[in-house]
PDB file of N, CA and C in Angstrom:
ATOM      1  N   MET A   1     126.567 141.523  89.949  1.00  0.00           N
ATOM      2  CA  MET A   1     127.989 141.294  90.140  1.00  0.00           C
ATOM      3  C   MET A   1     128.402 141.887  91.486  1.00  0.00           C
ATOM      4  N   HIS A   2     128.921 141.019  92.318  1.00  0.00           N
ATOM      5  CA  HIS A   2     129.334 141.479  93.635  1.00  0.00           C
ATOM      6  C   HIS A   2     130.844 141.510  93.784  1.00  0.00           C
ATOM      7  N   LYS A   3     131.525 140.661  93.051  1.00  0.00           N
ATOM      8  CA  LYS A   3     132.974 140.575  93.183  1.00  0.00           C
ATOM      9  C   LYS A   3     133.660 141.472  92.157  1.00  0.00           C
ATOM     10  N   GLU A   4     134.846 141.909  92.517  1.00  0.00           N
ATOM     11  CA  GLU A   4     135.669 142.679  91.589  1.00  0.00           C
ATOM     12  C   GLU A   4     136.091 141.771  90.431  1.00  0.00           C
ATOM     13  N   ILE A   5     136.142 142.332  89.238  1.00  0.00           N
ATOM     14  CA  ILE A   5     136.579 141.599  88.052  1.00  0.00           C
ATOM     15  C   ILE A   5     137.938 142.139  87.630  1.00  0.00           C
ATOM     16  N   VAL A   6     138.900 141.232  87.489  1.00  0.00           N
ATOM     17  CA  VAL A   6     140.237 141.639  87.064  1.00  0.00           C
ATOM     18  C   VAL A   6     140.641 140.851  85.814  1.00  0.00           C
ATOM     19  N   TYR A   7     141.458 141.486  84.995  1.00  0.00           N
ATOM     20  CA  TYR A   7     141.971 140.869  83.775  1.00  0.00           C
ATOM     21  C   TYR A   7     143.415 140.420  84.011  1.00  0.00           C
ATOM     22  N   THR A   8     143.754 139.214  83.569  1.00  0.00           N
ATOM     23  CA  THR A   8     145.149 138.781  83.633  1.00  0.00           C
ATOM     24  C   THR A   8     145.935 139.472  82.525  1.00  0.00           C
ATOM     25  N   ASP A   9     147.253 139.452  82.672  1.00  0.00           N
ATOM     26  CA  ASP A   9     148.114 139.982  81.610  1.00  0.00           C
ATOM     27  C   ASP A   9     147.888 139.214  80.316  1.00  0.00           C
ATOM     28  N   HIS A  10     147.656 137.910  80.442  1.00  0.00           N
ATOM     29  CA  HIS A  10     147.399 137.094  79.251  1.00  0.00           C
ATOM     30  C   HIS A  10     146.150 137.578  78.507  1.00  0.00           C
ATOM     31  N   LEU A  11     145.084 137.865  79.263  1.00  0.00           N
ATOM     32  CA  LEU A  11     143.863 138.363  78.633  1.00  0.00           C
ATOM     33  C   LEU A  11     144.116 139.700  77.954  1.00  0.00           C
ATOM     34  N   GLU A  12     144.810 140.589  78.623  1.00  0.00           N
ATOM     35  CA  GLU A  12     145.127 141.898  78.019  1.00  0.00           C
ATOM     36  C   GLU A  12     145.887 141.701  76.706  1.00  0.00           C
ATOM     37  N   PHE A  13     146.841 140.772  76.702  1.00  0.00           N
ATOM     38  CA  PHE A  13     147.610 140.470  75.499  1.00  0.00           C
ATOM     39  C   PHE A  13     146.690 139.947  74.384  1.00  0.00           C
ATOM     40  N   ARG A  14     145.801 139.019  74.723  1.00  0.00           N
ATOM     41  CA  ARG A  14     144.887 138.447  73.727  1.00  0.00           C
ATOM     42  C   ARG A  14     143.940 139.507  73.148  1.00  0.00           C
ATOM     43  N   LEU A  15     143.477 140.407  73.988  1.00  0.00           N
ATOM     44  CA  LEU A  15     142.580 141.465  73.500  1.00  0.00           C
ATOM     45  C   LEU A  15     143.290 142.312  72.445  1.00  0.00           C
ATOM     46  N   LYS A  16     144.533 142.668  72.731  1.00  0.00           N
ATOM     47  CA  LYS A  16     145.304 143.459  71.764  1.00  0.00           C
ATOM     48  C   LYS A  16     145.606 142.642  70.510  1.00  0.00           C
ATOM     49  N   GLN A  17     146.049 141.413  70.705  1.00  0.00           N
ATOM     50  CA  GLN A  17     146.436 140.540  69.596  1.00  0.00           C
ATOM     51  C   GLN A  17     145.261 140.282  68.656  1.00  0.00           C
ATOM     52  N   ARG A  18     144.077 140.070  69.209  1.00  0.00           N
ATOM     53  CA  ARG A  18     142.898 139.727  68.408  1.00  0.00           C
ATOM     54  C   ARG A  18     142.033 140.942  68.078  1.00  0.00           C
ATOM     55  N   ASN A  19     142.466 142.117  68.536  1.00  0.00           N
ATOM     56  CA  ASN A  19     141.716 143.353  68.311  1.00  0.00           C
ATOM     57  C   ASN A  19     140.277 143.239  68.830  1.00  0.00           C
ATOM     58  N   ILE A  20     140.153 142.757  70.039  1.00  0.00           N
ATOM     59  CA  ILE A  20     138.850 142.588  70.696  1.00  0.00           C
ATOM     60  C   ILE A  20     138.654 143.770  71.641  1.00  0.00           C
ATOM     61  N   PRO A  21     137.469 144.391  71.625  1.00  0.00           N
ATOM     62  CA  PRO A  21     137.215 145.523  72.525  1.00  0.00           C
ATOM     63  C   PRO A  21     137.469 145.151  73.992  1.00  0.00           C
ATOM     64  N   HIS A  22     138.039 146.084  74.737  1.00  0.00           N
ATOM     65  CA  HIS A  22     138.460 145.835  76.121  1.00  0.00           C
ATOM     66  C   HIS A  22     137.307 145.419  77.032  1.00  0.00           C
ATOM     67  N   GLU A  23     136.109 145.910  76.782  1.00  0.00           N
ATOM     68  CA  GLU A  23     134.973 145.598  77.651  1.00  0.00           C
ATOM     69  C   GLU A  23     134.307 144.263  77.308  1.00  0.00           C
ATOM     70  N   LEU A  24     134.632 143.678  76.161  1.00  0.00           N
ATOM     71  CA  LEU A  24     133.925 142.472  75.711  1.00  0.00           C
ATOM     72  C   LEU A  24     134.003 141.307  76.707  1.00  0.00           C
ATOM     73  N   PRO A  25     135.134 141.025  77.346  1.00  0.00           N
ATOM     74  CA  PRO A  25     135.132 139.925  78.319  1.00  0.00           C
ATOM     75  C   PRO A  25     134.113 140.111  79.443  1.00  0.00           C
ATOM     76  N   LYS A  26     133.983 141.333  79.942  1.00  0.00           N
ATOM     77  CA  LYS A  26     132.996 141.606  80.992  1.00  0.00           C
ATOM     78  C   LYS A  26     131.579 141.428  80.456  1.00  0.00           C
ATOM     79  N   VAL A  27     131.354 141.862  79.222  1.00  0.00           N
ATOM     80  CA  VAL A  27     130.032 141.712  78.598  1.00  0.00           C
ATOM     81  C   VAL A  27     129.671 140.236  78.486  1.00  0.00           C
ATOM     82  N   VAL A  28     130.619 139.415  78.042  1.00  0.00           N
ATOM     83  CA  VAL A  28     130.372 137.967  77.927  1.00  0.00           C
ATOM     84  C   VAL A  28     130.054 137.394  79.304  1.00  0.00           C
ATOM     85  N   LEU A  29     130.874 137.705  80.290  1.00  0.00           N
ATOM     86  CA  LEU A  29     130.665 137.175  81.641  1.00  0.00           C
ATOM     87  C   LEU A  29     129.303 137.574  82.191  1.00  0.00           C
ATOM     88  N   GLN A  30     128.948 138.838  82.042  1.00  0.00           N
ATOM     89  CA  GLN A  30     127.712 139.347  82.639  1.00  0.00           C
ATOM     90  C   GLN A  30     126.456 138.933  81.872  1.00  0.00           C
ATOM     91  N   ASN A  31     126.602 138.594  80.585  1.00  0.00           N
ATOM     92  CA  ASN A  31     125.438 138.218  79.775  1.00  0.00           C
ATOM     93  C   ASN A  31     125.387 136.730  79.461  1.00  0.00           C
ATOM     94  N   ALA A  32     126.264 135.959  80.078  1.00  0.00           N
ATOM     95  CA  ALA A  32     126.327 134.524  79.794  1.00  0.00           C
ATOM     96  C   ALA A  32     125.016 133.837  80.159  1.00  0.00           C
ATOM     97  N   LYS A  33     124.574 132.968  79.263  1.00  0.00           N
ATOM     98  CA  LYS A  33     123.395 132.141  79.511  1.00  0.00           C
ATOM     99  C   LYS A  33     123.819 130.752  79.971  1.00  0.00           C
ATOM    100  N   GLU A  34     125.111 130.445  79.784  1.00  0.00           N
ATOM    101  CA  GLU A  34     125.628 129.134  80.157  1.00  0.00           C
ATOM    102  C   GLU A  34     126.969 129.308  80.850  1.00  0.00           C
ATOM    103  N   TYR A  35     127.154 128.523  81.907  1.00  0.00           N
ATOM    104  CA  TYR A  35     128.441 128.451  82.597  1.00  0.00           C
ATOM    105  C   TYR A  35     128.821 126.981  82.718  1.00  0.00           C
ATOM    106  N   TYR A  36     130.104 126.713  82.558  1.00  0.00           N
ATOM    107  CA  TYR A  36     130.609 125.346  82.669  1.00  0.00           C
ATOM    108  C   TYR A  36     131.858 125.342  83.521  1.00  0.00           C
ATOM    109  N   PHE A  37     132.158 124.152  84.081  1.00  0.00           N
ATOM    110  CA  PHE A  37     133.446 123.922  84.703  1.00  0.00           C
ATOM    111  C   PHE A  37     134.218 123.019  83.754  1.00  0.00           C
ATOM    112  N   ASP A  38     135.431 123.432  83.401  1.00  0.00           N
ATOM    113  CA  ASP A  38     136.280 122.678  82.481  1.00  0.00           C
ATOM    114  C   ASP A  38     137.159 121.741  83.312  1.00  0.00           C
ATOM    115  N   LYS A  39     136.855 120.437  83.250  1.00  0.00           N
ATOM    116  CA  LYS A  39     137.592 119.455  84.050  1.00  0.00           C
ATOM    117  C   LYS A  39     139.056 119.354  83.636  1.00  0.00           C
ATOM    118  N   MET A  40     139.365 119.672  82.390  1.00  0.00           N
ATOM    119  CA  MET A  40     140.738 119.572  81.915  1.00  0.00           C
ATOM    120  C   MET A  40     141.622 120.698  82.464  1.00  0.00           C
ATOM    121  N   THR A  41     141.076 121.911  82.517  1.00  0.00           N
ATOM    122  CA  THR A  41     141.876 123.065  82.938  1.00  0.00           C
ATOM    123  C   THR A  41     141.644 123.459  84.397  1.00  0.00           C
ATOM    124  N   GLY A  42     140.492 123.087  84.948  1.00  0.00           N
ATOM    125  CA  GLY A  42     140.153 123.502  86.305  1.00  0.00           C
ATOM    126  C   GLY A  42     139.578 124.904  86.382  1.00  0.00           C
ATOM    127  N   TYR A  43     139.260 125.485  85.224  1.00  0.00           N
ATOM    128  CA  TYR A  43     138.690 126.830  85.173  1.00  0.00           C
ATOM    129  C   TYR A  43     137.212 126.784  84.825  1.00  0.00           C
ATOM    130  N   TYR A  44     136.555 127.900  85.054  1.00  0.00           N
ATOM    131  CA  TYR A  44     135.168 128.076  84.641  1.00  0.00           C
ATOM    132  C   TYR A  44     135.131 128.698  83.255  1.00  0.00           C
ATOM    133  N   VAL A  45     134.015 128.481  82.562  1.00  0.00           N
ATOM    134  CA  VAL A  45     133.813 129.016  81.225  1.00  0.00           C
ATOM    135  C   VAL A  45     132.434 129.669  81.185  1.00  0.00           C
ATOM    136  N   ALA A  46     132.389 130.900  80.702  1.00  0.00           N
ATOM    137  CA  ALA A  46     131.121 131.609  80.480  1.00  0.00           C
ATOM    138  C   ALA A  46     130.935 131.736  78.975  1.00  0.00           C
ATOM    139  N   ILE A  47     129.696 131.508  78.500  1.00  0.00           N
ATOM    140  CA  ILE A  47     129.418 131.563  77.068  1.00  0.00           C
ATOM    141  C   ILE A  47     128.264 132.525  76.818  1.00  0.00           C
ATOM    142  N   ALA A  48     128.461 133.421  75.853  1.00  0.00           N
ATOM    143  CA  ALA A  48     127.404 134.372  75.491  1.00  0.00           C
ATOM    144  C   ALA A  48     127.512 134.745  74.021  1.00  0.00           C
ATOM    145  N   ASN A  49     126.366 135.052  73.435  1.00  0.00           N
ATOM    146  CA  ASN A  49     126.320 135.613  72.088  1.00  0.00           C
ATOM    147  C   ASN A  49     126.456 137.123  72.224  1.00  0.00           C
ATOM    148  N   VAL A  50     127.400 137.687  71.496  1.00  0.00           N
ATOM    149  CA  VAL A  50     127.644 139.126  71.571  1.00  0.00           C
ATOM    150  C   VAL A  50     127.822 139.704  70.176  1.00  0.00           C
ATOM    151  N   ASP A  51     127.641 141.011  70.079  1.00  0.00           N
ATOM    152  CA  ASP A  51     127.914 141.702  68.817  1.00  0.00           C
ATOM    153  C   ASP A  51     129.417 141.904  68.696  1.00  0.00           C
ATOM    154  N   TYR A  52     129.967 141.447  67.577  1.00  0.00           N
ATOM    155  CA  TYR A  52     131.402 141.552  67.355  1.00  0.00           C
ATOM    156  C   TYR A  52     131.650 141.782  65.876  1.00  0.00           C
ATOM    157  N   LYS A  53     132.224 142.929  65.573  1.00  0.00           N
ATOM    158  CA  LYS A  53     132.528 143.296  64.187  1.00  0.00           C
ATOM    159  C   LYS A  53     131.309 143.140  63.271  1.00  0.00           C
ATOM    160  N   GLY A  54     130.172 143.656  63.742  1.00  0.00           N
ATOM    161  CA  GLY A  54     128.964 143.705  62.936  1.00  0.00           C
ATOM    162  C   GLY A  54     128.177 142.412  62.855  1.00  0.00           C
ATOM    163  N   ARG A  55     128.582 141.397  63.606  1.00  0.00           N
ATOM    164  CA  ARG A  55     127.859 140.112  63.589  1.00  0.00           C
ATOM    165  C   ARG A  55     127.648 139.612  65.010  1.00  0.00           C
ATOM    166  N   ARG A  56     126.669 138.714  65.165  1.00  0.00           N
ATOM    167  CA  ARG A  56     126.478 138.027  66.445  1.00  0.00           C
ATOM    168  C   ARG A  56     127.406 136.822  66.443  1.00  0.00           C
ATOM    169  N   LYS A  57     128.212 136.706  67.469  1.00  0.00           N
ATOM    170  CA  LYS A  57     129.134 135.582  67.587  1.00  0.00           C
ATOM    171  C   LYS A  57     129.092 135.051  69.009  1.00  0.00           C
ATOM    172  N   GLU A  58     129.287 133.748  69.114  1.00  0.00           N
ATOM    173  CA  GLU A  58     129.359 133.147  70.434  1.00  0.00           C
ATOM    174  C   GLU A  58     130.813 133.188  70.904  1.00  0.00           C
ATOM    175  N   PHE A  59     131.010 133.768  72.092  1.00  0.00           N
ATOM    176  CA  PHE A  59     132.338 133.883  72.687  1.00  0.00           C
ATOM    177  C   PHE A  59     132.355 133.156  74.017  1.00  0.00           C
ATOM    178  N   ILE A  60     133.542 132.659  74.378  1.00  0.00           N
ATOM    179  CA  ILE A  60     133.734 132.145  75.729  1.00  0.00           C
ATOM    180  C   ILE A  60     134.762 133.014  76.448  1.00  0.00           C
ATOM    181  N   VAL A  61     134.545 133.134  77.744  1.00  0.00           N
ATOM    182  CA  VAL A  61     135.526 133.749  78.626  1.00  0.00           C
ATOM    183  C   VAL A  61     135.888 132.683  79.657  1.00  0.00           C
ATOM    184  N   VAL A  62     137.172 132.440  79.789  1.00  0.00           N
ATOM    185  CA  VAL A  62     137.682 131.487  80.768  1.00  0.00           C
ATOM    186  C   VAL A  62     138.055 132.286  82.012  1.00  0.00           C
ATOM    187  N   PHE A  63     137.615 131.790  83.184  1.00  0.00           N
ATOM    188  CA  PHE A  63     137.850 132.554  84.405  1.00  0.00           C
ATOM    189  C   PHE A  63     137.964 131.650  85.616  1.00  0.00           C
ATOM    190  N   GLU A  64     138.475 132.237  86.694  1.00  0.00           N
ATOM    191  CA  GLU A  64     138.468 131.545  87.973  1.00  0.00           C
ATOM    192  C   GLU A  64     137.847 132.465  89.009  1.00  0.00           C
ATOM    193  N   ILE A  65     137.323 131.845  90.037  1.00  0.00           N
ATOM    194  CA  ILE A  65     136.670 132.601  91.107  1.00  0.00           C
ATOM    195  C   ILE A  65     137.512 132.459  92.356  1.00  0.00           C
ATOM    196  N   GLU A  66     138.003 133.582  92.819  1.00  0.00           N
ATOM    197  CA  GLU A  66     138.760 133.632  94.072  1.00  0.00           C
ATOM    198  C   GLU A  66     138.033 134.640  94.943  1.00  0.00           C
ATOM    199  N   ASP A  67     138.777 135.520  95.618  1.00  0.00           N
ATOM    200  CA  ASP A  67     138.126 136.619  96.328  1.00  0.00           C
ATOM    201  C   ASP A  67     137.624 137.643  95.323  1.00  0.00           C
ATOM    202  N   LYS A  68     138.125 137.526  94.093  1.00  0.00           N
ATOM    203  CA  LYS A  68     137.641 138.318  92.953  1.00  0.00           C
ATOM    204  C   LYS A  68     137.486 137.365  91.771  1.00  0.00           C
ATOM    205  N   ILE A  69     136.917 137.862  90.692  1.00  0.00           N
ATOM    206  CA  ILE A  69     136.779 137.058  89.475  1.00  0.00           C
ATOM    207  C   ILE A  69     137.936 137.415  88.563  1.00  0.00           C
ATOM    208  N   VAL A  70     138.723 136.410  88.214  1.00  0.00           N
ATOM    209  CA  VAL A  70     139.918 136.607  87.405  1.00  0.00           C
ATOM    210  C   VAL A  70     139.642 136.090  86.005  1.00  0.00           C
ATOM    211  N   LEU A  71     139.592 137.007  85.034  1.00  0.00           N
ATOM    212  CA  LEU A  71     139.345 136.627  83.646  1.00  0.00           C
ATOM    213  C   LEU A  71     140.681 136.273  82.999  1.00  0.00           C
ATOM    214  N   ILE A  72     140.744 135.088  82.414  1.00  0.00           N
ATOM    215  CA  ILE A  72     142.008 134.540  81.935  1.00  0.00           C
ATOM    216  C   ILE A  72     142.191 134.718  80.431  1.00  0.00           C
ATOM    217  N   THR A  73     141.158 134.376  79.663  1.00  0.00           N
ATOM    218  CA  THR A  73     141.259 134.534  78.212  1.00  0.00           C
ATOM    219  C   THR A  73     139.863 134.601  77.610  1.00  0.00           C
ATOM    220  N   ILE A  74     139.815 134.977  76.336  1.00  0.00           N
ATOM    221  CA  ILE A  74     138.560 135.093  75.596  1.00  0.00           C
ATOM    222  C   ILE A  74     138.810 134.645  74.167  1.00  0.00           C
ATOM    223  N   HIS A  75     137.823 133.975  73.603  1.00  0.00           N
ATOM    224  CA  HIS A  75     137.891 133.681  72.173  1.00  0.00           C
ATOM    225  C   HIS A  75     136.521 133.245  71.668  1.00  0.00           C
ATOM    226  N   PRO A  76     136.302 133.393  70.351  1.00  0.00           N
ATOM    227  CA  PRO A  76     135.049 132.893  69.781  1.00  0.00           C
ATOM    228  C   PRO A  76     135.060 131.371  69.806  1.00  0.00           C
ATOM    229  N   ILE A  77     133.877 130.783  69.809  1.00  0.00           N
ATOM    230  CA  ILE A  77     133.781 129.325  69.787  1.00  0.00           C
ATOM    231  C   ILE A  77     132.684 128.920  68.812  1.00  0.00           C
ATOM    232  N   ARG A  78     132.967 127.891  68.043  1.00  0.00           N
ATOM    233  CA  ARG A  78     131.960 127.343  67.130  1.00  0.00           C
ATOM    234  C   ARG A  78     131.066 126.380  67.900  1.00  0.00           C
ATOM    235  N   ASN A  79     129.822 126.268  67.484  1.00  0.00           N
ATOM    236  CA  ASN A  79     128.864 125.427  68.196  1.00  0.00           C
ATOM    237  C   ASN A  79     129.356 123.990  68.312  1.00  0.00           C
ATOM    238  N   GLU A  80     129.972 123.458  67.239  1.00  0.00           N
ATOM    239  CA  GLU A  80     130.418 122.062  67.306  1.00  0.00           C
ATOM    240  C   GLU A  80     131.537 121.873  68.339  1.00  0.00           C
ATOM    241  N   GLN A  81     132.356 122.893  68.546  1.00  0.00           N
ATOM    242  CA  GLN A  81     133.390 122.804  69.588  1.00  0.00           C
ATOM    243  C   GLN A  81     132.739 122.699  70.965  1.00  0.00           C
ATOM    244  N   LYS A  82     131.743 123.554  71.174  1.00  0.00           N
ATOM    245  CA  LYS A  82     131.034 123.558  72.450  1.00  0.00           C
ATOM    246  C   LYS A  82     130.350 122.209  72.682  1.00  0.00           C
ATOM    247  N   VAL A  83     129.631 121.722  71.683  1.00  0.00           N
ATOM    248  CA  VAL A  83     128.909 120.452  71.803  1.00  0.00           C
ATOM    249  C   VAL A  83     129.873 119.305  72.101  1.00  0.00           C
ATOM    250  N   ASN A  84     131.006 119.276  71.405  1.00  0.00           N
ATOM    251  CA  ASN A  84     131.979 118.206  71.629  1.00  0.00           C
ATOM    252  C   ASN A  84     132.535 118.221  73.049  1.00  0.00           C
ATOM    253  N   ARG A  85     132.796 119.402  73.586  1.00  0.00           N
ATOM    254  CA  ARG A  85     133.344 119.495  74.945  1.00  0.00           C
ATOM    255  C   ARG A  85     132.318 119.077  75.998  1.00  0.00           C
ATOM    256  N   ILE A  86     131.050 119.338  75.717  1.00  0.00           N
ATOM    257  CA  ILE A  86     129.991 118.924  76.638  1.00  0.00           C
ATOM    258  C   ILE A  86     129.789 117.406  76.541  1.00  0.00           C
ATOM    259  N   LYS A  87     129.675 116.889  75.325  1.00  0.00           N
ATOM    260  CA  LYS A  87     129.448 115.449  75.123  1.00  0.00           C
ATOM    261  C   LYS A  87     130.578 114.593  75.679  1.00  0.00           C
ATOM    262  N   SER A  88     131.806 115.082  75.550  1.00  0.00           N
ATOM    263  CA  SER A  88     132.960 114.308  76.021  1.00  0.00           C
ATOM    264  C   SER A  88     133.061 114.305  77.549  1.00  0.00           C
ATOM    265  N   GLY A  89     132.296 115.185  78.199  1.00  0.00           N
ATOM    266  CA  GLY A  89     132.358 115.291  79.652  1.00  0.00           C
ATOM    267  C   GLY A  89     133.420 116.258  80.144  1.00  0.00           C
ATOM    268  N   ARG A  90     134.131 116.883  79.201  1.00  0.00           N
ATOM    269  CA  ARG A  90     135.159 117.852  79.605  1.00  0.00           C
ATOM    270  C   ARG A  90     134.521 119.050  80.303  1.00  0.00           C
ATOM    271  N   TRP A  91     133.399 119.540  79.738  1.00  0.00           N
ATOM    272  CA  TRP A  91     132.692 120.666  80.345  1.00  0.00           C
ATOM    273  C   TRP A  91     131.460 120.149  81.065  1.00  0.00           C
ATOM    274  N   ILE A  92     131.310 120.570  82.314  1.00  0.00           N
ATOM    275  CA  ILE A  92     130.153 120.222  83.125  1.00  0.00           C
ATOM    276  C   ILE A  92     129.383 121.495  83.424  1.00  0.00           C
ATOM    277  N   ARG A  93     128.097 121.499  83.113  1.00  0.00           N
ATOM    278  CA  ARG A  93     127.259 122.683  83.341  1.00  0.00           C
ATOM    279  C   ARG A  93     127.173 122.975  84.831  1.00  0.00           C
ATOM    280  N   VAL A  94     127.349 124.229  85.199  1.00  0.00           N
ATOM    281  CA  VAL A  94     127.297 124.644  86.606  1.00  0.00           C
ATOM    282  C   VAL A  94     126.519 125.947  86.727  1.00  0.00           C
ATOM    283  N   GLU A  95     126.073 126.203  87.925  1.00  0.00           N
ATOM    284  CA  GLU A  95     125.512 127.510  88.272  1.00  0.00           C
ATOM    285  C   GLU A  95     126.629 128.302  88.923  1.00  0.00           C
ATOM    286  N   VAL A  96     126.786 129.539  88.506  1.00  0.00           N
ATOM    287  CA  VAL A  96     127.866 130.372  89.042  1.00  0.00           C
ATOM    288  C   VAL A  96     127.263 131.632  89.637  1.00  0.00           C
ATOM    289  N   GLU A  97     127.671 131.944  90.850  1.00  0.00           N
ATOM    290  CA  GLU A  97     127.268 133.203  91.469  1.00  0.00           C
ATOM    291  C   GLU A  97     128.435 134.170  91.373  1.00  0.00           C
ATOM    292  N   LEU A  98     128.207 135.241  90.645  1.00  0.00           N
ATOM    293  CA  LEU A  98     129.293 136.196  90.389  1.00  0.00           C
ATOM    294  C   LEU A  98     129.279 137.336  91.392  1.00  0.00           C
TER     295      LEU A  98
END
């Protein structure tokens, strides 16, 4: 990781609302095995399996890359949601340099 990572106010709100540990978005971003560009939103998506409340869960972090990496939101995703977004062409697999 070379760029500074910042959290939006929206992400901070979601972390509190969903009771998600504050470091989890960074963990997802740094451990992601897949990155996509979301054609509908214009944002990037990082996907990783992480430990959450005693279970392994797949989470996405939505972000943009500027002079820093801006994390926008986080939420768990079901495999069928991911597959549908890829099949529909909404998500395009990309390589991301962080």
